[in-house]
């Protein structure tokens, strides 16, 4: 069985948008890259795991203050990991934007990541897990090997609806966007998507690698869930995932952020549950998860996984 671990390096500003908190502090613009990435690299080095990091390419622009981010991305590649395209500026509504904007967001990130790493990216993950026909068409045009945006988890979808409705009731608008509900019934196993309807199987020259959900109930088997769950529930979810030959384990950079040590403001901590859990607790849960998976799974990057499915 194969397992791919991927980390979405969404900047802290994304979480401020989700929770309608306005602009994030400028001092924290690179906190995810600066503090979380070295922690992930340390864990992966000790377990000899190669992972995939999805980068928001705005962080890599050649301007004052961005040199450290480019150096860190090069360090990711030097350690043998893969760097994927997570758009240029992470607009949650990208799937609803005009085609020209879609092309700009994907293409601009493609160039910046290629310049920073020396190798053009071959994989993409959409902001907010929302992939459209225009986005898929542009990925095919650029010769991408895979997309990993489909997240067929009804429970996660309903939880997002609840957060957005609660903010609306308070007179605030979340920056998050609901995905196309048809994606909730997409195949949880790798497949070639239909170019006009990415949630359906088709014959596109690209592989869709859906983010992990459990069999039957399709509960989200992602880092945030596994790291925060009590050990017995986490063990149960991992046991359930043994029924799937491919485990696409997705995390976010914020999963290894410590609110106190990393200077995260109380206003965000109050809204983001994982920030109310200590870093040491999350690290123990993460390493326990990897240790359990290492007993049965071969770890590969998403690019390698896609190659195994004929991309």
C-alpha atoms as a PDB file:
ATOM      1  CA  UNK A   1       0.000   0.000   0.000  1.00  0.00           C
ATOM      2  CA  UNK A   2       1.143   3.549  -0.728  1.00  0.00           C
ATOM      3  CA  UNK A   3       0.942   6.641   1.466  1.00  0.00           C
ATOM      4  CA  UNK A   4       1.683  10.206   0.401  1.00  0.00           C
ATOM      5  CA  UNK A   5       2.025  12.923   3.010  1.00  0.00           C
ATOM      6  CA  UNK A   6       1.402  16.468   1.782  1.00  0.00           C
ATOM      7  CA  UNK A   7       1.463  19.830   3.543  1.00  0.00           C
ATOM      8  CA  UNK A   8      -0.455  22.892   2.352  1.00  0.00           C
ATOM      9  CA  UNK A   9       1.613  25.926   3.347  1.00  0.00           C
ATOM     10  CA  UNK A  10      -1.294  28.373   3.564  1.00  0.00           C
ATOM     11  CA  UNK A  11      -0.051  31.661   5.077  1.00  0.00           C
ATOM     12  CA  UNK A  12      -1.607  32.918   8.296  1.00  0.00           C
ATOM     13  CA  UNK A  13      -3.546  35.528   6.304  1.00  0.00           C
ATOM     14  CA  UNK A  14      -5.715  32.699   4.900  1.00  0.00           C
ATOM     15  CA  UNK A  15      -6.997  31.885   8.376  1.00  0.00           C
ATOM     16  CA  UNK A  16      -7.748  35.524   9.074  1.00  0.00           C
ATOM     17  CA  UNK A  17      -9.857  35.539   5.901  1.00  0.00           C
ATOM     18  CA  UNK A  18     -11.681  32.326   6.810  1.00  0.00           C
ATOM     19  CA  UNK A  19     -12.667  33.701  10.211  1.00  0.00           C
ATOM     20  CA  UNK A  20     -13.463  37.225   8.959  1.00  0.00           C
ATOM     21  CA  UNK A  21     -10.801  38.775  11.195  1.00  0.00           C
ATOM     22  CA  UNK A  22      -9.545  41.344   8.711  1.00  0.00           C
ATOM     23  CA  UNK A  23      -5.877  41.719   7.848  1.00  0.00           C
ATOM     24  CA  UNK A  24      -3.335  39.563   9.635  1.00  0.00           C
ATOM     25  CA  UNK A  25      -0.326  41.155  11.411  1.00  0.00           C
ATOM     26  CA  UNK A  26       2.509  41.872   8.978  1.00  0.00           C
ATOM     27  CA  UNK A  27       4.979  40.373  11.442  1.00  0.00           C
ATOM     28  CA  UNK A  28       3.330  36.985  10.922  1.00  0.00           C
ATOM     29  CA  UNK A  29       3.247  37.004   7.108  1.00  0.00           C
ATOM     30  CA  UNK A  30       5.846  34.225   6.881  1.00  0.00           C
ATOM     31  CA  UNK A  31       5.311  32.479  10.229  1.00  0.00           C
ATOM     32  CA  UNK A  32       4.065  29.248   8.608  1.00  0.00           C
ATOM     33  CA  UNK A  33       7.123  28.924   6.402  1.00  0.00           C
ATOM     34  CA  UNK A  34       9.573  30.147   9.026  1.00  0.00           C
ATOM     35  CA  UNK A  35       8.366  28.081  11.989  1.00  0.00           C
ATOM     36  CA  UNK A  36       6.352  25.110  10.707  1.00  0.00           C
ATOM     37  CA  UNK A  37       8.427  23.978   7.718  1.00  0.00           C
ATOM     38  CA  UNK A  38      11.607  23.237   9.744  1.00  0.00           C
ATOM     39  CA  UNK A  39       9.501  21.175  12.163  1.00  0.00           C
ATOM     40  CA  UNK A  40       8.050  19.101   9.351  1.00  0.00           C
ATOM     41  CA  UNK A  41      11.469  18.639   7.766  1.00  0.00           C
ATOM     42  CA  UNK A  42      12.867  17.422  11.081  1.00  0.00           C
ATOM     43  CA  UNK A  43      10.097  14.827  11.503  1.00  0.00           C
ATOM     44  CA  UNK A  44      10.428  13.594   7.926  1.00  0.00           C
ATOM     45  CA  UNK A  45      14.212  13.362   8.219  1.00  0.00           C
ATOM     46  CA  UNK A  46      14.022  11.212  11.344  1.00  0.00           C
ATOM     47  CA  UNK A  47      11.467   8.884   9.734  1.00  0.00           C
ATOM     48  CA  UNK A  48      13.126   8.893   6.290  1.00  0.00           C
ATOM     49  CA  UNK A  49       9.912  10.052   4.591  1.00  0.00           C
ATOM     50  CA  UNK A  50       9.706  12.090   1.396  1.00  0.00           C
ATOM     51  CA  UNK A  51       6.677  14.382   1.298  1.00  0.00           C
ATOM     52  CA  UNK A  52       5.003  16.967  -0.945  1.00  0.00           C
ATOM     53  CA  UNK A  53       4.777  20.634   0.083  1.00  0.00           C
ATOM     54  CA  UNK A  54       2.195  22.822  -1.678  1.00  0.00           C
ATOM     55  CA  UNK A  55       3.441  26.408  -1.781  1.00  0.00           C
ATOM     56  CA  UNK A  56       1.476  29.631  -2.229  1.00  0.00           C
ATOM     57  CA  UNK A  57       3.877  31.206  -4.728  1.00  0.00           C
ATOM     58  CA  UNK A  58       3.279  34.808  -3.676  1.00  0.00           C
ATOM     59  CA  UNK A  59       5.676  33.935  -0.853  1.00  0.00           C
ATOM     60  CA  UNK A  60       8.454  33.415  -3.415  1.00  0.00           C
ATOM     61  CA  UNK A  61       8.402  36.727  -5.284  1.00  0.00           C
ATOM     62  CA  UNK A  62      11.823  38.318  -5.597  1.00  0.00           C
ATOM     63  CA  UNK A  63      11.339  41.336  -3.426  1.00  0.00           C
ATOM     64  CA  UNK A  64      12.483  42.524  -0.031  1.00  0.00           C
ATOM     65  CA  UNK A  65      11.846  40.010   2.724  1.00  0.00           C
ATOM     66  CA  UNK A  66      11.197  37.025   0.434  1.00  0.00           C
ATOM     67  CA  UNK A  67      14.756  35.703   0.126  1.00  0.00           C
ATOM     68  CA  UNK A  68      14.376  33.542   3.235  1.00  0.00           C
ATOM     69  CA  UNK A  69      11.253  31.906   1.838  1.00  0.00           C
ATOM     70  CA  UNK A  70      13.000  31.032  -1.427  1.00  0.00           C
ATOM     71  CA  UNK A  71      15.933  29.596   0.508  1.00  0.00           C
ATOM     72  CA  UNK A  72      13.574  27.497   2.603  1.00  0.00           C
ATOM     73  CA  UNK A  73      11.849  26.098  -0.481  1.00  0.00           C
ATOM     74  CA  UNK A  74      15.243  25.174  -1.912  1.00  0.00           C
ATOM     75  CA  UNK A  75      15.978  23.407   1.388  1.00  0.00           C
ATOM     76  CA  UNK A  76      12.761  21.407   0.966  1.00  0.00           C
ATOM     77  CA  UNK A  77      13.898  20.242  -2.469  1.00  0.00           C
ATOM     78  CA  UNK A  78      17.455  19.544  -1.302  1.00  0.00           C
ATOM     79  CA  UNK A  79      16.020  17.182   1.325  1.00  0.00           C
ATOM     80  CA  UNK A  80      14.381  15.150  -1.459  1.00  0.00           C
ATOM     81  CA  UNK A  81      10.823  16.414  -1.069  1.00  0.00           C
ATOM     82  CA  UNK A  82       8.459  17.580  -3.809  1.00  0.00           C
ATOM     83  CA  UNK A  83       7.128  21.145  -4.148  1.00  0.00           C
ATOM     84  CA  UNK A  84       3.683  21.564  -5.690  1.00  0.00           C
ATOM     85  CA  UNK A  85       1.628  24.494  -6.966  1.00  0.00           C
ATOM     86  CA  UNK A  86      -0.975  25.900  -4.551  1.00  0.00           C
ATOM     87  CA  UNK A  87      -1.768  28.954  -6.744  1.00  0.00           C
ATOM     88  CA  UNK A  88      -0.152  32.386  -6.622  1.00  0.00           C
ATOM     89  CA  UNK A  89      -2.253  34.187  -3.991  1.00  0.00           C
ATOM     90  CA  UNK A  90      -4.617  31.463  -2.673  1.00  0.00           C
ATOM     91  CA  UNK A  91      -7.982  33.003  -3.651  1.00  0.00           C
ATOM     92  CA  UNK A  92     -10.588  30.682  -2.162  1.00  0.00           C
ATOM     93  CA  UNK A  93     -12.961  31.622  -4.987  1.00  0.00           C
ATOM     94  CA  UNK A  94     -10.488  30.648  -7.739  1.00  0.00           C
ATOM     95  CA  UNK A  95     -12.861  28.051  -9.221  1.00  0.00           C
ATOM     96  CA  UNK A  96     -15.422  30.826  -9.773  1.00  0.00           C
ATOM     97  CA  UNK A  97     -13.086  33.417 -11.285  1.00  0.00           C
ATOM     98  CA  UNK A  98     -12.804  34.214 -15.021  1.00  0.00           C
ATOM     99  CA  UNK A  99     -10.561  31.941 -17.047  1.00  0.00           C
ATOM    100  CA  UNK A 100      -7.947  34.678 -17.509  1.00  0.00           C
ATOM    101  CA  UNK A 101      -7.541  34.989 -13.746  1.00  0.00           C
ATOM    102  CA  UNK A 102      -7.321  31.212 -13.381  1.00  0.00           C
ATOM    103  CA  UNK A 103      -4.558  31.085 -15.980  1.00  0.00           C
ATOM    104  CA  UNK A 104      -2.699  33.901 -14.223  1.00  0.00           C
ATOM    105  CA  UNK A 105      -2.943  32.332 -10.755  1.00  0.00           C
ATOM    106  CA  UNK A 106      -1.755  28.904 -11.879  1.00  0.00           C
ATOM    107  CA  UNK A 107       0.767  30.088 -14.469  1.00  0.00           C
ATOM    108  CA  UNK A 108       2.377  32.741 -12.293  1.00  0.00           C
ATOM    109  CA  UNK A 109       2.838  30.220  -9.476  1.00  0.00           C
ATOM    110  CA  UNK A 110       4.186  27.671 -11.953  1.00  0.00           C
ATOM    111  CA  UNK A 111       6.957  30.043 -13.043  1.00  0.00           C
ATOM    112  CA  UNK A 112       7.872  31.243  -9.541  1.00  0.00           C
ATOM    113  CA  UNK A 113       8.096  27.738  -8.106  1.00  0.00           C
ATOM    114  CA  UNK A 114      10.140  26.555 -11.063  1.00  0.00           C
ATOM    115  CA  UNK A 115      12.538  29.486 -10.669  1.00  0.00           C
ATOM    116  CA  UNK A 116      12.909  28.916  -6.918  1.00  0.00           C
ATOM    117  CA  UNK A 117      13.424  25.148  -7.071  1.00  0.00           C
ATOM    118  CA  UNK A 118      15.012  24.665 -10.486  1.00  0.00           C
ATOM    119  CA  UNK A 119      12.262  22.210 -11.436  1.00  0.00           C
ATOM    120  CA  UNK A 120       8.768  23.116 -12.689  1.00  0.00           C
ATOM    121  CA  UNK A 121       6.028  21.684 -10.465  1.00  0.00           C
ATOM    122  CA  UNK A 122       4.013  18.727 -11.766  1.00  0.00           C
ATOM    123  CA  UNK A 123       1.252  18.747  -9.150  1.00  0.00           C
ATOM    124  CA  UNK A 124      -1.462  21.169  -8.054  1.00  0.00           C
ATOM    125  CA  UNK A 125      -3.835  21.593  -5.130  1.00  0.00           C
ATOM    126  CA  UNK A 126      -6.637  24.123  -5.391  1.00  0.00           C
ATOM    127  CA  UNK A 127      -7.325  26.666  -2.645  1.00  0.00           C
ATOM    128  CA  UNK A 128     -10.201  25.361  -0.548  1.00  0.00           C
ATOM    129  CA  UNK A 129     -10.230  22.020  -2.434  1.00  0.00           C
ATOM    130  CA  UNK A 130     -12.373  23.571  -5.204  1.00  0.00           C
ATOM    131  CA  UNK A 131     -11.284  22.517  -8.702  1.00  0.00           C
ATOM    132  CA  UNK A 132     -13.041  23.723 -11.856  1.00  0.00           C
ATOM    133  CA  UNK A 133     -12.962  22.738 -15.519  1.00  0.00           C
ATOM    134  CA  UNK A 134     -10.942  25.868 -16.367  1.00  0.00           C
ATOM    135  CA  UNK A 135      -8.386  25.042 -13.694  1.00  0.00           C
ATOM    136  CA  UNK A 136      -8.075  21.447 -14.847  1.00  0.00           C
ATOM    137  CA  UNK A 137      -7.750  22.569 -18.458  1.00  0.00           C
ATOM    138  CA  UNK A 138      -4.868  24.896 -17.587  1.00  0.00           C
ATOM    139  CA  UNK A 139      -3.091  22.150 -15.644  1.00  0.00           C
ATOM    140  CA  UNK A 140      -3.368  19.859 -18.672  1.00  0.00           C
ATOM    141  CA  UNK A 141      -2.062  22.662 -20.889  1.00  0.00           C
ATOM    142  CA  UNK A 142       1.007  23.071 -18.647  1.00  0.00           C
ATOM    143  CA  UNK A 143       1.647  19.331 -18.670  1.00  0.00           C
ATOM    144  CA  UNK A 144       0.927  18.639 -15.015  1.00  0.00           C
ATOM    145  CA  UNK A 145       1.078  15.037 -13.891  1.00  0.00           C
ATOM    146  CA  UNK A 146      -1.618  15.247 -11.221  1.00  0.00           C
ATOM    147  CA  UNK A 147      -4.157  17.310  -9.336  1.00  0.00           C
ATOM    148  CA  UNK A 148      -4.927  16.651  -5.665  1.00  0.00           C
ATOM    149  CA  UNK A 149      -7.899  18.892  -4.896  1.00  0.00           C
ATOM    150  CA  UNK A 150     -10.958  16.646  -4.692  1.00  0.00           C
ATOM    151  CA  UNK A 151     -11.985  16.137  -1.059  1.00  0.00           C
ATOM    152  CA  UNK A 152     -15.155  13.986  -1.002  1.00  0.00           C
ATOM    153  CA  UNK A 153     -15.924  14.531   2.693  1.00  0.00           C
ATOM    154  CA  UNK A 154     -19.563  15.522   3.392  1.00  0.00           C
ATOM    155  CA  UNK A 155     -18.839  15.999   7.109  1.00  0.00           C
ATOM    156  CA  UNK A 156     -16.114  18.511   6.404  1.00  0.00           C
ATOM    157  CA  UNK A 157     -18.415  20.310   3.971  1.00  0.00           C
ATOM    158  CA  UNK A 158     -21.165  20.576   6.587  1.00  0.00           C
ATOM    159  CA  UNK A 159     -18.715  21.823   9.207  1.00  0.00           C
ATOM    160  CA  UNK A 160     -17.631  24.573   6.819  1.00  0.00           C
ATOM    161  CA  UNK A 161     -21.283  25.480   6.226  1.00  0.00           C
ATOM    162  CA  UNK A 162     -21.716  25.787   9.996  1.00  0.00           C
ATOM    163  CA  UNK A 163     -18.727  28.124  10.400  1.00  0.00           C
ATOM    164  CA  UNK A 164     -19.801  30.310   7.485  1.00  0.00           C
ATOM    165  CA  UNK A 165     -23.402  30.498   8.738  1.00  0.00           C
ATOM    166  CA  UNK A 166     -22.275  31.391  12.278  1.00  0.00           C
ATOM    167  CA  UNK A 167     -20.199  34.260  10.918  1.00  0.00           C
ATOM    168  CA  UNK A 168     -23.085  35.384   8.718  1.00  0.00           C
ATOM    169  CA  UNK A 169     -25.357  35.461  11.769  1.00  0.00           C
ATOM    170  CA  UNK A 170     -22.848  37.816  13.385  1.00  0.00           C
ATOM    171  CA  UNK A 171     -22.895  40.087  10.348  1.00  0.00           C
ATOM    172  CA  UNK A 172     -19.525  38.903   9.059  1.00  0.00           C
ATOM    173  CA  UNK A 173     -18.538  37.215   5.818  1.00  0.00           C
ATOM    174  CA  UNK A 174     -16.053  34.355   5.779  1.00  0.00           C
ATOM    175  CA  UNK A 175     -13.373  34.387   3.098  1.00  0.00           C
ATOM    176  CA  UNK A 176     -13.940  30.670   2.579  1.00  0.00           C
ATOM    177  CA  UNK A 177     -16.057  29.382  -0.302  1.00  0.00           C
ATOM    178  CA  UNK A 178     -18.124  26.206  -0.469  1.00  0.00           C
ATOM    179  CA  UNK A 179     -16.874  23.688  -2.995  1.00  0.00           C
ATOM    180  CA  UNK A 180     -19.073  22.310  -5.753  1.00  0.00           C
ATOM    181  CA  UNK A 181     -21.246  19.776  -3.852  1.00  0.00           C
ATOM    182  CA  UNK A 182     -20.949  17.312  -6.731  1.00  0.00           C
ATOM    183  CA  UNK A 183     -17.345  16.729  -5.637  1.00  0.00           C
ATOM    184  CA  UNK A 184     -18.674  15.117  -2.443  1.00  0.00           C
ATOM    185  CA  UNK A 185     -19.688  12.024  -4.417  1.00  0.00           C
ATOM    186  CA  UNK A 186     -16.440  11.805  -6.393  1.00  0.00           C
ATOM    187  CA  UNK A 187     -14.373   8.647  -6.253  1.00  0.00           C
ATOM    188  CA  UNK A 188     -12.128   8.520  -3.157  1.00  0.00           C
ATOM    189  CA  UNK A 189      -9.575   6.510  -5.173  1.00  0.00           C
ATOM    190  CA  UNK A 190      -7.205   7.916  -7.841  1.00  0.00           C
ATOM    191  CA  UNK A 191      -8.809   8.385 -11.239  1.00  0.00           C
ATOM    192  CA  UNK A 192      -8.540  10.248 -14.521  1.00  0.00           C
ATOM    193  CA  UNK A 193     -11.053  13.101 -14.373  1.00  0.00           C
ATOM    194  CA  UNK A 194     -13.442  14.372 -17.003  1.00  0.00           C
ATOM    195  CA  UNK A 195     -12.001  17.658 -18.300  1.00  0.00           C
ATOM    196  CA  UNK A 196     -15.382  19.376 -18.160  1.00  0.00           C
ATOM    197  CA  UNK A 197     -16.449  17.870 -14.805  1.00  0.00           C
ATOM    198  CA  UNK A 198     -13.426  17.068 -12.602  1.00  0.00           C
ATOM    199  CA  UNK A 199     -15.523  15.195 -10.033  1.00  0.00           C
ATOM    200  CA  UNK A 200     -16.397  12.561 -12.666  1.00  0.00           C
ATOM    201  CA  UNK A 201     -14.149   9.923 -14.165  1.00  0.00           C
ATOM    202  CA  UNK A 202     -13.025  10.646 -17.704  1.00  0.00           C
ATOM    203  CA  UNK A 203      -9.956  10.571 -19.904  1.00  0.00           C
ATOM    204  CA  UNK A 204      -7.983  13.714 -19.027  1.00  0.00           C
ATOM    205  CA  UNK A 205      -4.187  13.371 -19.389  1.00  0.00           C
ATOM    206  CA  UNK A 206      -3.777  13.946 -15.652  1.00  0.00           C
ATOM    207  CA  UNK A 207      -4.436  11.894 -12.516  1.00  0.00           C
ATOM    208  CA  UNK A 208      -6.743  13.098  -9.733  1.00  0.00           C
ATOM    209  CA  UNK A 209      -5.441  12.032  -6.308  1.00  0.00           C
ATOM    210  CA  UNK A 210      -8.337  12.688  -3.889  1.00  0.00           C
ATOM    211  CA  UNK A 211      -7.576  13.670  -0.307  1.00  0.00           C
ATOM    212  CA  UNK A 212      -8.151  10.817   2.121  1.00  0.00           C
ATOM    213  CA  UNK A 213     -11.558  10.005   3.554  1.00  0.00           C
ATOM    214  CA  UNK A 214     -12.567   6.877   5.454  1.00  0.00           C
ATOM    215  CA  UNK A 215     -14.651   4.155   3.804  1.00  0.00           C
ATOM    216  CA  UNK A 216     -18.444   4.306   4.103  1.00  0.00           C
ATOM    217  CA  UNK A 217     -18.892   7.480   6.181  1.00  0.00           C
ATOM    218  CA  UNK A 218     -16.198   9.400   4.281  1.00  0.00           C
ATOM    219  CA  UNK A 219     -14.849  11.091   7.384  1.00  0.00           C
ATOM    220  CA  UNK A 220     -11.858  13.372   6.702  1.00  0.00           C
ATOM    221  CA  UNK A 221      -8.688  11.368   7.345  1.00  0.00           C
ATOM    222  CA  UNK A 222      -6.480  14.457   7.278  1.00  0.00           C
ATOM    223  CA  UNK A 223      -3.826  15.828   9.602  1.00  0.00           C
ATOM    224  CA  UNK A 224      -6.067  18.215  11.490  1.00  0.00           C
ATOM    225  CA  UNK A 225      -8.512  15.409  12.339  1.00  0.00           C
ATOM    226  CA  UNK A 226      -5.869  12.818  13.214  1.00  0.00           C
ATOM    227  CA  UNK A 227      -3.692  15.155  15.277  1.00  0.00           C
ATOM    228  CA  UNK A 228      -6.569  16.424  17.383  1.00  0.00           C
ATOM    229  CA  UNK A 229      -8.450  13.137  17.838  1.00  0.00           C
ATOM    230  CA  UNK A 230      -8.057  11.060  21.012  1.00  0.00           C
ATOM    231  CA  UNK A 231      -5.632   8.135  20.470  1.00  0.00           C
ATOM    232  CA  UNK A 232      -8.372   5.483  20.336  1.00  0.00           C
ATOM    233  CA  UNK A 233     -10.344   7.353  17.677  1.00  0.00           C
ATOM    234  CA  UNK A 234      -7.181   8.052  15.695  1.00  0.00           C
ATOM    235  CA  UNK A 235      -6.294   4.341  15.815  1.00  0.00           C
ATOM    236  CA  UNK A 236      -9.810   3.451  14.614  1.00  0.00           C
ATOM    237  CA  UNK A 237      -9.594   5.837  11.655  1.00  0.00           C
ATOM    238  CA  UNK A 238      -6.186   4.494  10.658  1.00  0.00           C
ATOM    239  CA  UNK A 239      -7.536   0.947  10.878  1.00  0.00           C
ATOM    240  CA  UNK A 240     -10.412   1.940   8.597  1.00  0.00           C
ATOM    241  CA  UNK A 241      -7.977   3.411   6.066  1.00  0.00           C
ATOM    242  CA  UNK A 242      -6.318  -0.001   5.632  1.00  0.00           C
ATOM    243  CA  UNK A 243      -9.166  -0.766   3.230  1.00  0.00           C
ATOM    244  CA  UNK A 244      -7.762   1.770   0.791  1.00  0.00           C
ATOM    245  CA  UNK A 245      -4.598   0.903  -1.178  1.00  0.00           C
ATOM    246  CA  UNK A 246      -3.634   4.597  -1.366  1.00  0.00           C
ATOM    247  CA  UNK A 247      -3.649   6.966   1.612  1.00  0.00           C
ATOM    248  CA  UNK A 248      -3.357  10.636   0.601  1.00  0.00           C
ATOM    249  CA  UNK A 249      -2.649  12.155   4.039  1.00  0.00           C
ATOM    250  CA  UNK A 250      -2.986  15.936   3.848  1.00  0.00           C
ATOM    251  CA  UNK A 251      -1.853  18.382   6.521  1.00  0.00           C
ATOM    252  CA  UNK A 252      -1.446  22.145   6.780  1.00  0.00           C
ATOM    253  CA  UNK A 253       1.540  24.112   7.961  1.00  0.00           C
ATOM    254  CA  UNK A 254      -0.556  25.457  10.829  1.00  0.00           C
ATOM    255  CA  UNK A 255      -0.811  21.890  12.190  1.00  0.00           C
ATOM    256  CA  UNK A 256       2.706  22.295  13.625  1.00  0.00           C
ATOM    257  CA  UNK A 257       2.340  25.871  14.843  1.00  0.00           C
ATOM    258  CA  UNK A 258       2.377  26.655  18.555  1.00  0.00           C
ATOM    259  CA  UNK A 259       0.211  29.658  19.429  1.00  0.00           C
ATOM    260  CA  UNK A 260       2.336  30.800  22.375  1.00  0.00           C
ATOM    261  CA  UNK A 261       5.822  30.084  21.023  1.00  0.00           C
ATOM    262  CA  UNK A 262       5.035  31.432  17.562  1.00  0.00           C
ATOM    263  CA  UNK A 263       3.238  34.585  18.678  1.00  0.00           C
ATOM    264  CA  UNK A 264      -0.231  33.879  17.256  1.00  0.00           C
ATOM    265  CA  UNK A 265      -2.762  36.528  18.390  1.00  0.00           C
ATOM    266  CA  UNK A 266      -5.533  35.493  20.761  1.00  0.00           C
ATOM    267  CA  UNK A 267      -8.218  36.560  18.262  1.00  0.00           C
ATOM    268  CA  UNK A 268      -7.170  33.778  15.877  1.00  0.00           C
ATOM    269  CA  UNK A 269      -6.497  31.231  18.620  1.00  0.00           C
ATOM    270  CA  UNK A 270     -10.096  31.673  19.798  1.00  0.00           C
ATOM    271  CA  UNK A 271     -11.398  30.705  16.319  1.00  0.00           C
ATOM    272  CA  UNK A 272      -8.886  28.025  15.262  1.00  0.00           C
ATOM    273  CA  UNK A 273      -9.200  24.889  17.450  1.00  0.00           C
ATOM    274  CA  UNK A 274      -5.827  23.366  16.521  1.00  0.00           C
ATOM    275  CA  UNK A 275      -4.062  26.457  17.857  1.00  0.00           C
ATOM    276  CA  UNK A 276      -5.432  25.684  21.305  1.00  0.00           C
ATOM    277  CA  UNK A 277      -3.487  22.413  21.397  1.00  0.00           C
ATOM    278  CA  UNK A 278       0.184  22.463  22.341  1.00  0.00           C
ATOM    279  CA  UNK A 279       2.834  21.833  19.721  1.00  0.00           C
ATOM    280  CA  UNK A 280       4.273  18.939  21.728  1.00  0.00           C
ATOM    281  CA  UNK A 281       0.883  17.208  21.784  1.00  0.00           C
ATOM    282  CA  UNK A 282       0.422  17.637  18.026  1.00  0.00           C
ATOM    283  CA  UNK A 283       3.963  16.433  17.316  1.00  0.00           C
ATOM    284  CA  UNK A 284       3.410  13.283  19.400  1.00  0.00           C
ATOM    285  CA  UNK A 285       0.169  12.567  17.551  1.00  0.00           C
ATOM    286  CA  UNK A 286       1.836  13.164  14.184  1.00  0.00           C
ATOM    287  CA  UNK A 287       4.756  10.884  14.926  1.00  0.00           C
ATOM    288  CA  UNK A 288       2.434   8.208  16.321  1.00  0.00           C
ATOM    289  CA  UNK A 289       0.404   8.393  13.101  1.00  0.00           C
ATOM    290  CA  UNK A 290       3.490   8.070  10.914  1.00  0.00           C
ATOM    291  CA  UNK A 291       4.845   5.248  13.062  1.00  0.00           C
ATOM    292  CA  UNK A 292       1.619   3.302  12.657  1.00  0.00           C
ATOM    293  CA  UNK A 293       1.521   3.859   8.906  1.00  0.00           C
ATOM    294  CA  UNK A 294       5.166   2.873   8.446  1.00  0.00           C
ATOM    295  CA  UNK A 295       4.274  -0.678   9.512  1.00  0.00           C
ATOM    296  CA  UNK A 296       2.308  -1.266   6.312  1.00  0.00           C
ATOM    297  CA  UNK A 297       2.722   1.595   3.854  1.00  0.00           C
ATOM    298  CA  UNK A 298       5.443   2.624   1.455  1.00  0.00           C
ATOM    299  CA  UNK A 299       5.804   6.415   1.551  1.00  0.00           C
ATOM    300  CA  UNK A 300       6.041   8.222  -1.783  1.00  0.00           C
ATOM    301  CA  UNK A 301       5.555  11.795  -2.951  1.00  0.00           C
ATOM    302  CA  UNK A 302       2.323  12.615  -4.739  1.00  0.00           C
ATOM    303  CA  UNK A 303       4.272  12.919  -7.978  1.00  0.00           C
ATOM    304  CA  UNK A 304       5.585   9.395  -7.540  1.00  0.00           C
ATOM    305  CA  UNK A 305       2.112   8.135  -6.669  1.00  0.00           C
ATOM    306  CA  UNK A 306       0.681   9.691  -9.821  1.00  0.00           C
ATOM    307  CA  UNK A 307       3.398   7.999 -11.876  1.00  0.00           C
ATOM    308  CA  UNK A 308       2.293   4.675 -10.461  1.00  0.00           C
ATOM    309  CA  UNK A 309      -1.211   5.309 -11.768  1.00  0.00           C
ATOM    310  CA  UNK A 310       0.040   5.991 -15.272  1.00  0.00           C
ATOM    311  CA  UNK A 311       0.404   9.795 -15.295  1.00  0.00           C
END
